[in-house]
Amino acid sequence: MGYDVHITRRTAWREEEGEQITTEEWAAAVAADSDLEMVRAARVVPRGQDTVFEYRHEWLARMTSHPHRDTQGAWLDWHEGRIMVKNPDETLLEKMREIARVPGARVQGDDGEYYDE
């Protein structure tokens, strides 16, 4: 399992009501940021394991400048009007804050806390 952090325009990321980040806005944000690339598939072998984890999604992006992009991943995934990241470290949280400023969104954890600063 893990802890998700979200880039969202909603007051609470779980709410179904509220303004969404569109796929067009997400694609434009990725295209405009030299640290991001749309990858649509992620493969990772967790440390100490032989199992390969593979995930595919049309709106999956990777932070190419992240120091652990090849071992632990640095993936950002658009889902239901928000961008989700599982277990982000401080480097990825900073990138999420940067991304959130463009569409007027906020960075919010699973429990509702904000990571704006």
N, C-alpha and C. Protein backbone atom coordinates (compact mmCIF):
# COMPACT_ATOMS: atom_id res chain seq x y z
N MET A 1 0.84 -1.17 0.00
CA MET A 1 0.00 0.00 0.00
C MET A 1 0.89 1.24 0.00
N GLY A 2 0.32 2.38 0.02
CA GLY A 2 1.10 3.60 0.02
C GLY A 2 0.23 4.78 0.38
N TYR A 3 0.85 5.93 0.37
CA TYR A 3 0.15 7.16 0.69
C TYR A 3 0.14 8.04 -0.54
N ASP A 4 -1.04 8.42 -1.00
CA ASP A 4 -1.16 9.24 -2.20
C ASP A 4 -1.22 10.71 -1.83
N VAL A 5 -0.61 11.52 -2.69
CA VAL A 5 -0.71 12.97 -2.60
C VAL A 5 -1.25 13.44 -3.94
N HIS A 6 -2.14 14.43 -3.91
CA HIS A 6 -2.91 14.83 -5.08
C HIS A 6 -2.70 16.31 -5.41
N ILE A 7 -2.70 16.61 -6.69
CA ILE A 7 -2.81 18.00 -7.15
C ILE A 7 -4.26 18.16 -7.55
N THR A 8 -4.97 19.06 -6.88
CA THR A 8 -6.41 19.17 -7.09
C THR A 8 -6.88 20.61 -6.96
N ARG A 9 -7.98 20.90 -7.61
CA ARG A 9 -8.65 22.20 -7.47
C ARG A 9 -9.80 22.11 -6.48
N ARG A 10 -10.19 20.91 -6.12
CA ARG A 10 -11.31 20.72 -5.21
C ARG A 10 -10.89 21.07 -3.78
N THR A 11 -11.87 21.42 -2.95
CA THR A 11 -11.58 21.71 -1.54
C THR A 11 -11.00 20.48 -0.87
N ALA A 12 -11.58 19.34 -1.15
CA ALA A 12 -11.06 18.06 -0.68
C ALA A 12 -10.93 17.16 -1.90
N TRP A 13 -9.79 16.55 -2.10
CA TRP A 13 -9.54 15.77 -3.31
C TRP A 13 -10.57 14.67 -3.53
N ARG A 14 -11.18 14.16 -2.46
CA ARG A 14 -12.15 13.07 -2.55
C ARG A 14 -13.51 13.50 -3.11
N GLU A 15 -13.79 14.79 -3.02
CA GLU A 15 -15.10 15.29 -3.45
C GLU A 15 -15.32 15.04 -4.94
N GLU A 16 -16.51 14.63 -5.27
CA GLU A 16 -16.86 14.44 -6.68
C GLU A 16 -17.21 15.77 -7.34
N GLU A 17 -17.69 16.71 -6.54
CA GLU A 17 -18.07 18.03 -7.05
C GLU A 17 -16.85 18.94 -6.99
N GLY A 18 -16.79 19.85 -7.93
CA GLY A 18 -15.71 20.83 -7.94
C GLY A 18 -14.96 20.81 -9.25
N GLU A 19 -14.17 21.83 -9.42
CA GLU A 19 -13.45 22.00 -10.67
C GLU A 19 -12.36 20.94 -10.82
N GLN A 20 -12.28 20.39 -12.02
CA GLN A 20 -11.29 19.37 -12.32
C GLN A 20 -10.12 19.96 -13.12
N ILE A 21 -9.01 19.27 -13.07
CA ILE A 21 -7.90 19.54 -13.97
C ILE A 21 -8.16 18.65 -15.19
N THR A 22 -8.28 19.24 -16.35
CA THR A 22 -8.62 18.46 -17.54
C THR A 22 -7.39 17.73 -18.08
N THR A 23 -7.64 16.74 -18.91
CA THR A 23 -6.52 16.03 -19.54
C THR A 23 -5.76 16.96 -20.47
N GLU A 24 -6.46 17.91 -21.07
CA GLU A 24 -5.79 18.88 -21.94
C GLU A 24 -4.84 19.76 -21.14
N GLU A 25 -5.29 20.22 -19.96
CA GLU A 25 -4.42 21.02 -19.09
C GLU A 25 -3.22 20.21 -18.61
N TRP A 26 -3.45 18.95 -18.27
CA TRP A 26 -2.37 18.07 -17.82
C TRP A 26 -1.36 17.85 -18.94
N ALA A 27 -1.83 17.54 -20.13
CA ALA A 27 -0.92 17.33 -21.27
C ALA A 27 -0.12 18.60 -21.56
N ALA A 28 -0.75 19.76 -21.47
CA ALA A 28 -0.06 21.02 -21.72
C ALA A 28 0.99 21.29 -20.63
N ALA A 29 0.67 20.98 -19.38
CA ALA A 29 1.62 21.17 -18.28
C ALA A 29 2.85 20.29 -18.46
N VAL A 30 2.63 19.04 -18.86
CA VAL A 30 3.74 18.12 -19.10
C VAL A 30 4.59 18.60 -20.27
N ALA A 31 3.95 19.01 -21.35
CA ALA A 31 4.67 19.46 -22.54
C ALA A 31 5.49 20.72 -22.26
N ALA A 32 5.01 21.58 -21.36
CA ALA A 32 5.68 22.84 -21.07
C ALA A 32 6.80 22.72 -20.04
N ASP A 33 6.92 21.57 -19.39
CA ASP A 33 7.89 21.39 -18.31
C ASP A 33 9.00 20.44 -18.75
N SER A 34 10.22 20.95 -18.83
CA SER A 34 11.34 20.13 -19.31
C SER A 34 11.70 19.00 -18.35
N ASP A 35 11.17 19.02 -17.11
CA ASP A 35 11.42 17.94 -16.15
C ASP A 35 10.41 16.81 -16.27
N LEU A 36 9.41 16.98 -17.13
CA LEU A 36 8.34 15.97 -17.24
C LEU A 36 8.26 15.42 -18.65
N GLU A 37 7.84 14.15 -18.74
CA GLU A 37 7.53 13.55 -20.03
C GLU A 37 6.36 12.59 -19.86
N MET A 38 5.49 12.56 -20.85
CA MET A 38 4.37 11.64 -20.84
C MET A 38 4.92 10.27 -21.23
N VAL A 39 4.70 9.25 -20.40
CA VAL A 39 5.29 7.93 -20.67
C VAL A 39 4.25 6.85 -20.93
N ARG A 40 3.06 7.00 -20.39
CA ARG A 40 1.95 6.07 -20.60
C ARG A 40 2.19 4.65 -20.09
N ALA A 41 3.39 4.34 -19.62
CA ALA A 41 3.66 3.03 -19.02
C ALA A 41 4.83 3.17 -18.07
N ALA A 42 4.76 2.46 -16.95
CA ALA A 42 5.82 2.50 -15.96
C ALA A 42 6.20 1.08 -15.58
N ARG A 43 7.48 0.83 -15.54
CA ARG A 43 8.00 -0.46 -15.09
C ARG A 43 9.02 -0.20 -14.00
N VAL A 44 8.89 -0.93 -12.91
CA VAL A 44 9.85 -0.77 -11.82
C VAL A 44 10.03 -2.10 -11.12
N VAL A 45 11.25 -2.35 -10.67
CA VAL A 45 11.57 -3.50 -9.84
C VAL A 45 11.88 -2.94 -8.46
N PRO A 46 10.98 -3.13 -7.49
CA PRO A 46 11.25 -2.60 -6.15
C PRO A 46 12.55 -3.18 -5.59
N ARG A 47 13.25 -2.39 -4.81
CA ARG A 47 14.53 -2.82 -4.24
C ARG A 47 14.40 -4.15 -3.53
N GLY A 48 15.34 -5.04 -3.80
CA GLY A 48 15.36 -6.33 -3.14
C GLY A 48 14.33 -7.33 -3.63
N GLN A 49 13.66 -7.04 -4.73
CA GLN A 49 12.64 -7.95 -5.25
C GLN A 49 12.93 -8.28 -6.70
N ASP A 50 12.46 -9.44 -7.12
CA ASP A 50 12.62 -9.86 -8.51
C ASP A 50 11.38 -9.54 -9.34
N THR A 51 10.29 -9.18 -8.69
CA THR A 51 9.03 -8.92 -9.37
C THR A 51 9.06 -7.57 -10.07
N VAL A 52 8.60 -7.55 -11.30
CA VAL A 52 8.51 -6.31 -12.05
C VAL A 52 7.07 -5.79 -11.95
N PHE A 53 6.94 -4.55 -11.55
CA PHE A 53 5.65 -3.89 -11.47
C PHE A 53 5.47 -3.11 -12.76
N GLU A 54 4.34 -3.30 -13.41
CA GLU A 54 4.07 -2.53 -14.63
C GLU A 54 2.70 -1.90 -14.53
N TYR A 55 2.64 -0.63 -14.90
CA TYR A 55 1.39 0.13 -14.85
C TYR A 55 1.27 0.90 -16.15
N ARG A 56 0.10 0.87 -16.74
CA ARG A 56 -0.15 1.59 -17.99
C ARG A 56 -1.35 2.51 -17.81
N HIS A 57 -1.19 3.74 -18.29
CA HIS A 57 -2.29 4.70 -18.27
C HIS A 57 -1.97 5.79 -19.28
N GLU A 58 -2.96 6.22 -20.00
CA GLU A 58 -2.77 7.20 -21.06
C GLU A 58 -2.20 8.52 -20.56
N TRP A 59 -2.48 8.88 -19.31
CA TRP A 59 -2.09 10.19 -18.78
C TRP A 59 -1.01 10.09 -17.71
N LEU A 60 -0.16 9.10 -17.81
CA LEU A 60 0.94 8.89 -16.87
C LEU A 60 2.18 9.65 -17.34
N ALA A 61 2.77 10.43 -16.44
CA ALA A 61 3.98 11.19 -16.75
C ALA A 61 5.07 10.82 -15.76
N ARG A 62 6.31 11.12 -16.13
CA ARG A 62 7.46 10.84 -15.28
C ARG A 62 8.29 12.12 -15.12
N MET A 63 8.80 12.32 -13.91
CA MET A 63 9.73 13.41 -13.67
C MET A 63 11.12 12.91 -14.04
N THR A 64 11.59 13.32 -15.19
CA THR A 64 12.85 12.79 -15.74
C THR A 64 14.08 13.24 -14.96
N SER A 65 14.00 14.35 -14.26
CA SER A 65 15.14 14.86 -13.51
C SER A 65 15.20 14.32 -12.09
N HIS A 66 14.25 13.49 -11.71
CA HIS A 66 14.23 12.94 -10.35
C HIS A 66 15.40 11.98 -10.16
N PRO A 67 16.13 12.08 -9.05
CA PRO A 67 17.31 11.22 -8.86
C PRO A 67 17.00 9.72 -8.78
N HIS A 68 15.78 9.34 -8.44
CA HIS A 68 15.42 7.92 -8.31
C HIS A 68 14.44 7.48 -9.40
N ARG A 69 14.43 8.18 -10.52
CA ARG A 69 13.44 7.89 -11.56
C ARG A 69 13.54 6.47 -12.11
N ASP A 70 14.73 5.87 -12.08
CA ASP A 70 14.90 4.54 -12.66
C ASP A 70 14.74 3.41 -11.66
N THR A 71 14.86 3.69 -10.36
CA THR A 71 14.76 2.62 -9.38
C THR A 71 13.44 2.62 -8.63
N GLN A 72 12.97 3.78 -8.22
CA GLN A 72 11.73 3.86 -7.46
C GLN A 72 10.63 4.54 -8.24
N GLY A 73 10.99 5.17 -9.32
CA GLY A 73 10.01 5.86 -10.13
C GLY A 73 9.74 7.27 -9.62
N ALA A 74 9.22 8.05 -10.47
CA ALA A 74 8.82 9.42 -10.15
C ALA A 74 7.64 9.74 -11.04
N TRP A 75 6.55 8.98 -10.85
CA TRP A 75 5.42 9.05 -11.75
C TRP A 75 4.29 9.89 -11.19
N LEU A 76 3.67 10.64 -12.09
CA LEU A 76 2.52 11.47 -11.78
C LEU A 76 1.40 11.01 -12.70
N ASP A 77 0.24 10.75 -12.15
CA ASP A 77 -0.84 10.14 -12.92
C ASP A 77 -2.12 10.96 -12.82
N TRP A 78 -2.65 11.39 -13.95
CA TRP A 78 -3.94 12.07 -13.98
C TRP A 78 -5.04 11.04 -13.76
N HIS A 79 -5.97 11.35 -12.86
CA HIS A 79 -7.09 10.43 -12.60
C HIS A 79 -8.27 11.25 -12.08
N GLU A 80 -9.39 11.16 -12.77
CA GLU A 80 -10.64 11.79 -12.36
C GLU A 80 -10.48 13.27 -11.98
N GLY A 81 -9.75 14.00 -12.81
CA GLY A 81 -9.64 15.43 -12.62
C GLY A 81 -8.58 15.90 -11.66
N ARG A 82 -7.71 15.00 -11.24
CA ARG A 82 -6.62 15.36 -10.35
C ARG A 82 -5.37 14.59 -10.75
N ILE A 83 -4.22 15.05 -10.25
CA ILE A 83 -2.96 14.37 -10.50
C ILE A 83 -2.58 13.66 -9.21
N MET A 84 -2.24 12.38 -9.30
CA MET A 84 -1.90 11.59 -8.11
C MET A 84 -0.46 11.13 -8.17
N VAL A 85 0.17 11.09 -6.99
CA VAL A 85 1.52 10.55 -6.84
C VAL A 85 1.53 9.68 -5.60
N LYS A 86 2.09 8.49 -5.71
CA LYS A 86 2.17 7.58 -4.57
C LYS A 86 3.51 7.77 -3.87
N ASN A 87 3.44 8.00 -2.57
CA ASN A 87 4.63 8.11 -1.71
C ASN A 87 5.68 9.10 -2.22
N PRO A 88 5.30 10.33 -2.52
CA PRO A 88 6.31 11.27 -3.05
C PRO A 88 7.34 11.66 -2.00
N ASP A 89 8.58 11.81 -2.44
CA ASP A 89 9.62 12.34 -1.56
C ASP A 89 9.60 13.86 -1.69
N GLU A 90 10.51 14.54 -1.01
CA GLU A 90 10.50 16.01 -1.01
C GLU A 90 10.76 16.58 -2.41
N THR A 91 11.60 15.92 -3.20
CA THR A 91 11.88 16.38 -4.57
C THR A 91 10.61 16.37 -5.41
N LEU A 92 9.87 15.29 -5.30
CA LEU A 92 8.63 15.18 -6.07
C LEU A 92 7.55 16.10 -5.52
N LEU A 93 7.49 16.27 -4.20
CA LEU A 93 6.53 17.22 -3.63
C LEU A 93 6.79 18.64 -4.12
N GLU A 94 8.05 19.02 -4.22
CA GLU A 94 8.37 20.36 -4.73
C GLU A 94 7.91 20.51 -6.18
N LYS A 95 8.12 19.47 -6.99
CA LYS A 95 7.65 19.52 -8.39
C LYS A 95 6.12 19.60 -8.42
N MET A 96 5.45 18.88 -7.53
CA MET A 96 3.99 18.93 -7.48
C MET A 96 3.50 20.33 -7.13
N ARG A 97 4.16 20.99 -6.19
CA ARG A 97 3.79 22.37 -5.84
C ARG A 97 3.96 23.29 -7.04
N GLU A 98 5.04 23.09 -7.77
CA GLU A 98 5.31 23.89 -8.97
C GLU A 98 4.21 23.66 -10.03
N ILE A 99 3.86 22.40 -10.25
CA ILE A 99 2.82 22.06 -11.22
C ILE A 99 1.48 22.65 -10.80
N ALA A 100 1.16 22.59 -9.51
CA ALA A 100 -0.14 23.04 -9.00
C ALA A 100 -0.36 24.53 -9.21
N ARG A 101 0.69 25.32 -9.23
CA ARG A 101 0.54 26.77 -9.40
C ARG A 101 -0.06 27.12 -10.76
N VAL A 102 0.26 26.36 -11.79
CA VAL A 102 -0.19 26.68 -13.14
C VAL A 102 -1.72 26.62 -13.26
N PRO A 103 -2.37 25.52 -12.87
CA PRO A 103 -3.84 25.51 -13.02
C PRO A 103 -4.58 26.07 -11.82
N GLY A 104 -3.89 26.70 -10.88
CA GLY A 104 -4.56 27.24 -9.70
C GLY A 104 -5.07 26.15 -8.79
N ALA A 105 -4.24 25.14 -8.58
CA ALA A 105 -4.62 23.99 -7.77
C ALA A 105 -3.80 23.98 -6.47
N ARG A 106 -4.02 22.95 -5.66
CA ARG A 106 -3.27 22.77 -4.42
C ARG A 106 -2.79 21.32 -4.33
N VAL A 107 -1.78 21.11 -3.50
CA VAL A 107 -1.24 19.78 -3.27
C VAL A 107 -1.80 19.31 -1.93
N GLN A 108 -2.51 18.16 -1.97
CA GLN A 108 -3.22 17.68 -0.79
C GLN A 108 -2.99 16.19 -0.59
N GLY A 109 -2.72 15.80 0.66
CA GLY A 109 -2.51 14.39 1.00
C GLY A 109 -3.81 13.64 1.16
N ASP A 110 -3.70 12.32 1.24
CA ASP A 110 -4.87 11.45 1.41
C ASP A 110 -5.74 11.85 2.61
N ASP A 111 -5.10 12.33 3.67
CA ASP A 111 -5.85 12.69 4.88
C ASP A 111 -6.35 14.13 4.87
N GLY A 112 -6.19 14.84 3.76
CA GLY A 112 -6.73 16.19 3.62
C GLY A 112 -5.76 17.31 3.94
N GLU A 113 -4.54 16.99 4.40
CA GLU A 113 -3.57 18.03 4.71
C GLU A 113 -2.99 18.61 3.43
N TYR A 114 -2.60 19.87 3.48
CA TYR A 114 -2.05 20.54 2.32
C TYR A 114 -0.53 20.59 2.40
N TYR A 115 0.10 20.49 1.25
CA TYR A 115 1.56 20.57 1.10
C TYR A 115 1.93 21.78 0.25
N ASP A 116 1.34 22.91 0.55
CA ASP A 116 1.53 24.10 -0.25
C ASP A 116 2.89 24.77 -0.04
N GLU A 117 3.48 24.61 1.08
CA GLU A 117 4.77 25.28 1.38
C GLU A 117 5.89 24.28 1.46
